[in-house]
Amino acid sequence: MRLPLAGLTTAIVLFVVDQAAKLGVTEGLKLNAMTDAHYVTSFFNLRFVANQGVSLGLLHADTDTMRWLLVAMTGVIALGVLIWMWRETNRSEQAALGLVLGGAAGNILDRIRLGYVVDFADLHFGSWQPFLVFNIADAAISIGVVILFARALLVREKPVRGSSATDAPASGSGTPPGTSNSGADQGPTETFHA
């Protein structure tokens, strides 16, 4: 079985970019308290949030037991994604799974190392905030899932030519099925002697 290079490369690159961005925000910009924020544009700020839950603030891990249960749960999901990616032959779907895997790995490492996930991207339009504060890993997971759903719903794989008996000649000689290329079926032949 061949390595899913598209998926593994995507996952590794995403993981490194996510961790570098989180380090840049917390160490480089010194945004490491809940009140810290950095203005970027009129619709985007960098704002530190220690997210102890999962997406949309669900399953808030306010105890060590909940923290490690979340690590275990997301670890099992990441393992399932890795197995799926290993079996997937389509490179686009491998890359989408790589986004999910790399994002999950980044958030898992945060939770193991810090006890929470570092979120920092604050997208807003006036007082309307379409998302909670998120990070690159969260965005990658969401994009990967959307790509997988879109491909499942909209993309139909073309059948492999020759997969049924009617698609290709049985003998491989270019003659239609049911006919023969042998001389025995073409009637009597004459032999001339000198």
Protein backbone atom coordinates (compact mmCIF):
# COMPACT_ATOMS: atom_id res chain seq x y z
CA MET A 1 0.00 0.00 0.00
CA ARG A 2 1.35 3.42 -0.99
CA LEU A 3 1.76 6.25 1.49
CA PRO A 4 -0.94 8.94 1.29
CA LEU A 5 1.66 11.64 0.58
CA ALA A 6 -0.87 14.39 -0.22
CA GLY A 7 -2.63 13.87 3.11
CA LEU A 8 0.48 13.42 5.24
CA THR A 9 2.20 16.47 3.73
CA THR A 10 -0.90 18.60 4.25
CA ALA A 11 -1.24 17.43 7.86
CA ILE A 12 2.42 18.09 8.71
CA VAL A 13 2.51 21.54 7.07
CA LEU A 14 -0.76 22.53 8.73
CA PHE A 15 0.43 21.33 12.14
CA VAL A 16 3.69 23.34 11.88
CA VAL A 17 1.91 26.51 10.65
CA ASP A 18 -0.71 26.24 13.41
CA GLN A 19 1.86 25.83 16.18
CA ALA A 20 4.05 28.62 14.77
CA ALA A 21 1.07 31.00 14.61
CA LYS A 22 0.07 30.21 18.20
CA LEU A 23 3.65 30.73 19.37
CA GLY A 24 3.86 33.98 17.43
CA VAL A 25 0.70 35.30 19.07
CA THR A 26 1.49 34.21 22.63
CA GLU A 27 5.26 34.73 22.69
CA GLY A 28 5.97 37.13 19.82
CA LEU A 29 3.07 39.51 20.41
CA LYS A 30 2.78 38.66 24.12
CA LEU A 31 -0.96 38.04 23.86
CA ASN A 32 -1.34 35.51 26.65
CA ALA A 33 -4.07 36.88 28.90
CA MET A 34 -7.81 36.88 28.22
CA THR A 35 -7.88 40.70 28.08
CA ASP A 36 -5.04 40.99 25.53
CA ALA A 37 -5.90 41.99 21.96
CA HIS A 38 -4.07 43.35 18.93
CA TYR A 39 -5.87 45.45 16.29
CA VAL A 40 -5.19 44.31 12.71
CA THR A 41 -8.06 45.64 10.56
CA SER A 42 -11.56 47.00 11.11
CA PHE A 43 -12.92 43.45 10.83
CA PHE A 44 -10.11 41.29 12.24
CA ASN A 45 -8.23 41.36 15.56
CA LEU A 46 -5.84 39.02 17.30
CA ARG A 47 -7.27 38.24 20.71
CA PHE A 48 -6.04 35.58 23.14
CA VAL A 49 -8.62 33.04 24.29
CA ALA A 50 -7.81 29.92 26.34
CA ASN A 51 -10.44 27.54 24.97
CA GLN A 52 -11.07 24.70 27.40
CA GLY A 53 -13.87 23.20 25.35
CA VAL A 54 -14.20 22.01 21.78
CA SER A 55 -15.85 23.73 18.84
CA LEU A 56 -18.60 26.21 19.72
CA GLY A 57 -17.62 26.00 23.38
CA LEU A 58 -19.09 22.52 23.78
CA LEU A 59 -17.79 19.97 26.31
CA HIS A 60 -16.08 22.50 28.55
CA ALA A 61 -13.11 20.80 30.25
CA ASP A 62 -12.91 22.51 33.63
CA THR A 63 -11.38 19.51 35.43
CA ASP A 64 -8.33 17.36 34.73
CA THR A 65 -10.59 14.37 34.12
CA MET A 66 -12.55 16.25 31.44
CA ARG A 67 -9.33 17.55 29.92
CA TRP A 68 -7.89 14.06 29.45
CA LEU A 69 -11.24 12.70 28.27
CA LEU A 70 -11.22 15.39 25.56
CA VAL A 71 -7.63 14.47 24.65
CA ALA A 72 -8.64 10.81 24.40
CA MET A 73 -11.81 11.55 22.41
CA THR A 74 -10.06 13.83 19.89
CA GLY A 75 -7.16 11.38 19.71
CA VAL A 76 -9.53 8.55 18.72
CA ILE A 77 -11.12 10.80 16.07
CA ALA A 78 -7.68 11.76 14.74
CA LEU A 79 -6.70 8.07 14.56
CA GLY A 80 -9.89 7.32 12.61
CA VAL A 81 -9.09 10.15 10.19
CA LEU A 82 -5.54 8.80 9.75
CA ILE A 83 -6.84 5.30 8.97
CA TRP A 84 -9.36 6.74 6.48
CA MET A 85 -6.61 8.82 4.87
CA TRP A 86 -4.34 5.75 4.60
CA ARG A 87 -7.06 3.86 2.71
CA GLU A 88 -8.08 6.80 0.51
CA THR A 89 -6.69 6.79 -3.03
CA ASN A 90 -8.05 10.16 -4.18
CA ARG A 91 -5.43 12.87 -3.59
CA SER A 92 -7.99 15.66 -3.09
CA GLU A 93 -9.71 13.70 -0.35
CA GLN A 94 -6.35 12.78 1.18
CA ALA A 95 -5.50 16.51 1.36
CA ALA A 96 -8.89 17.33 2.94
CA LEU A 97 -8.33 14.58 5.51
CA GLY A 98 -4.83 16.00 6.05
CA LEU A 99 -6.39 19.36 6.97
CA VAL A 100 -8.60 17.64 9.54
CA LEU A 101 -5.75 15.51 10.91
CA GLY A 102 -3.22 18.36 11.12
CA GLY A 103 -5.74 20.64 12.81
CA ALA A 104 -6.76 17.98 15.30
CA ALA A 105 -3.10 17.22 16.11
CA GLY A 106 -2.38 20.91 16.72
CA ASN A 107 -5.28 21.29 19.13
CA ILE A 108 -4.49 18.00 20.88
CA LEU A 109 -0.91 19.14 21.50
CA ASP A 110 -2.20 22.42 22.99
CA ARG A 111 -4.52 20.58 25.33
CA ILE A 112 -1.79 18.16 26.46
CA ARG A 113 0.81 20.89 26.89
CA LEU A 114 -1.29 23.74 28.28
CA GLY A 115 -4.60 22.27 29.40
CA TYR A 116 -6.48 24.41 26.83
CA VAL A 117 -6.42 25.28 23.14
CA VAL A 118 -4.99 28.66 22.12
CA ASP A 119 -7.51 30.60 20.02
CA PHE A 120 -6.65 34.01 18.61
CA ALA A 121 -8.45 34.85 15.35
CA ASP A 122 -11.30 37.30 15.99
CA LEU A 123 -13.28 37.94 12.80
CA HIS A 124 -16.09 40.47 13.16
CA PHE A 125 -18.14 42.91 11.09
CA GLY A 126 -19.18 45.74 13.36
CA SER A 127 -20.85 44.09 16.32
CA TRP A 128 -21.63 40.92 14.32
CA GLN A 129 -19.20 38.06 14.97
CA PRO A 130 -19.92 35.13 12.59
CA PHE A 131 -17.58 32.78 14.49
CA LEU A 132 -16.24 32.44 17.99
CA VAL A 133 -12.54 33.30 18.33
CA PHE A 134 -10.70 30.47 16.54
CA ASN A 135 -7.25 29.36 15.37
CA ILE A 136 -5.67 28.01 12.18
CA ALA A 137 -6.30 24.40 13.27
CA ASP A 138 -10.02 25.10 13.75
CA ALA A 139 -10.25 26.75 10.33
CA ALA A 140 -8.42 23.84 8.67
CA ILE A 141 -10.69 21.25 10.30
CA SER A 142 -13.79 23.16 9.13
CA ILE A 143 -12.46 23.56 5.57
CA GLY A 144 -11.47 19.89 5.40
CA VAL A 145 -14.90 18.73 6.55
CA VAL A 146 -16.66 21.04 4.04
CA ILE A 147 -14.49 19.69 1.20
CA LEU A 148 -15.26 16.08 2.19
CA PHE A 149 -19.01 16.77 2.38
CA ALA A 150 -18.98 18.65 -0.93
CA ARG A 151 -17.11 15.85 -2.68
CA ALA A 152 -19.42 13.22 -1.19
CA LEU A 153 -22.51 15.10 -2.37
CA LEU A 154 -21.39 16.60 -5.68
CA VAL A 155 -18.55 14.58 -7.18
CA ARG A 156 -19.28 11.26 -8.81
CA GLU A 157 -16.23 9.16 -9.66
CA LYS A 158 -16.16 7.87 -13.23
CA PRO A 159 -16.35 4.08 -13.42
CA VAL A 160 -13.09 2.39 -14.31
CA ARG A 161 -13.16 1.34 -17.94
CA GLY A 162 -13.16 -2.41 -18.36
CA SER A 163 -14.71 -3.03 -14.95
CA SER A 164 -17.60 -5.03 -16.44
CA ALA A 165 -17.71 -7.75 -19.06
CA THR A 166 -19.53 -5.53 -21.59
CA ASP A 167 -16.98 -2.70 -21.44
CA ALA A 168 -13.98 -4.55 -22.86
CA PRO A 169 -13.26 -7.58 -25.01
CA ALA A 170 -12.70 -10.72 -23.02
CA SER A 171 -9.75 -11.83 -25.11
CA GLY A 172 -8.05 -8.45 -25.17
CA SER A 173 -7.49 -8.84 -28.95
CA GLY A 174 -9.78 -6.06 -30.07
CA THR A 175 -12.49 -8.39 -31.42
CA PRO A 176 -16.07 -8.04 -30.20
CA PRO A 177 -17.28 -10.38 -27.46
CA GLY A 178 -18.67 -13.63 -28.79
CA THR A 179 -16.41 -13.72 -31.85
CA SER A 180 -13.17 -15.55 -32.24
CA ASN A 181 -9.89 -14.74 -33.88
CA SER A 182 -8.88 -18.35 -34.46
CA GLY A 183 -8.80 -19.82 -37.95
CA ALA A 184 -10.84 -22.85 -36.86
CA ASP A 185 -14.04 -20.82 -36.79
CA GLN A 186 -13.59 -19.18 -40.21
CA GLY A 187 -14.52 -22.11 -42.40
CA PRO A 188 -12.33 -24.47 -44.45
CA THR A 189 -9.01 -23.29 -45.76
CA GLU A 190 -7.28 -24.44 -48.92
CA THR A 191 -3.70 -25.64 -49.01
CA PHE A 192 -1.70 -25.37 -52.24
CA HIS A 193 1.13 -27.72 -53.04
CA ALA A 194 3.67 -27.07 -55.72
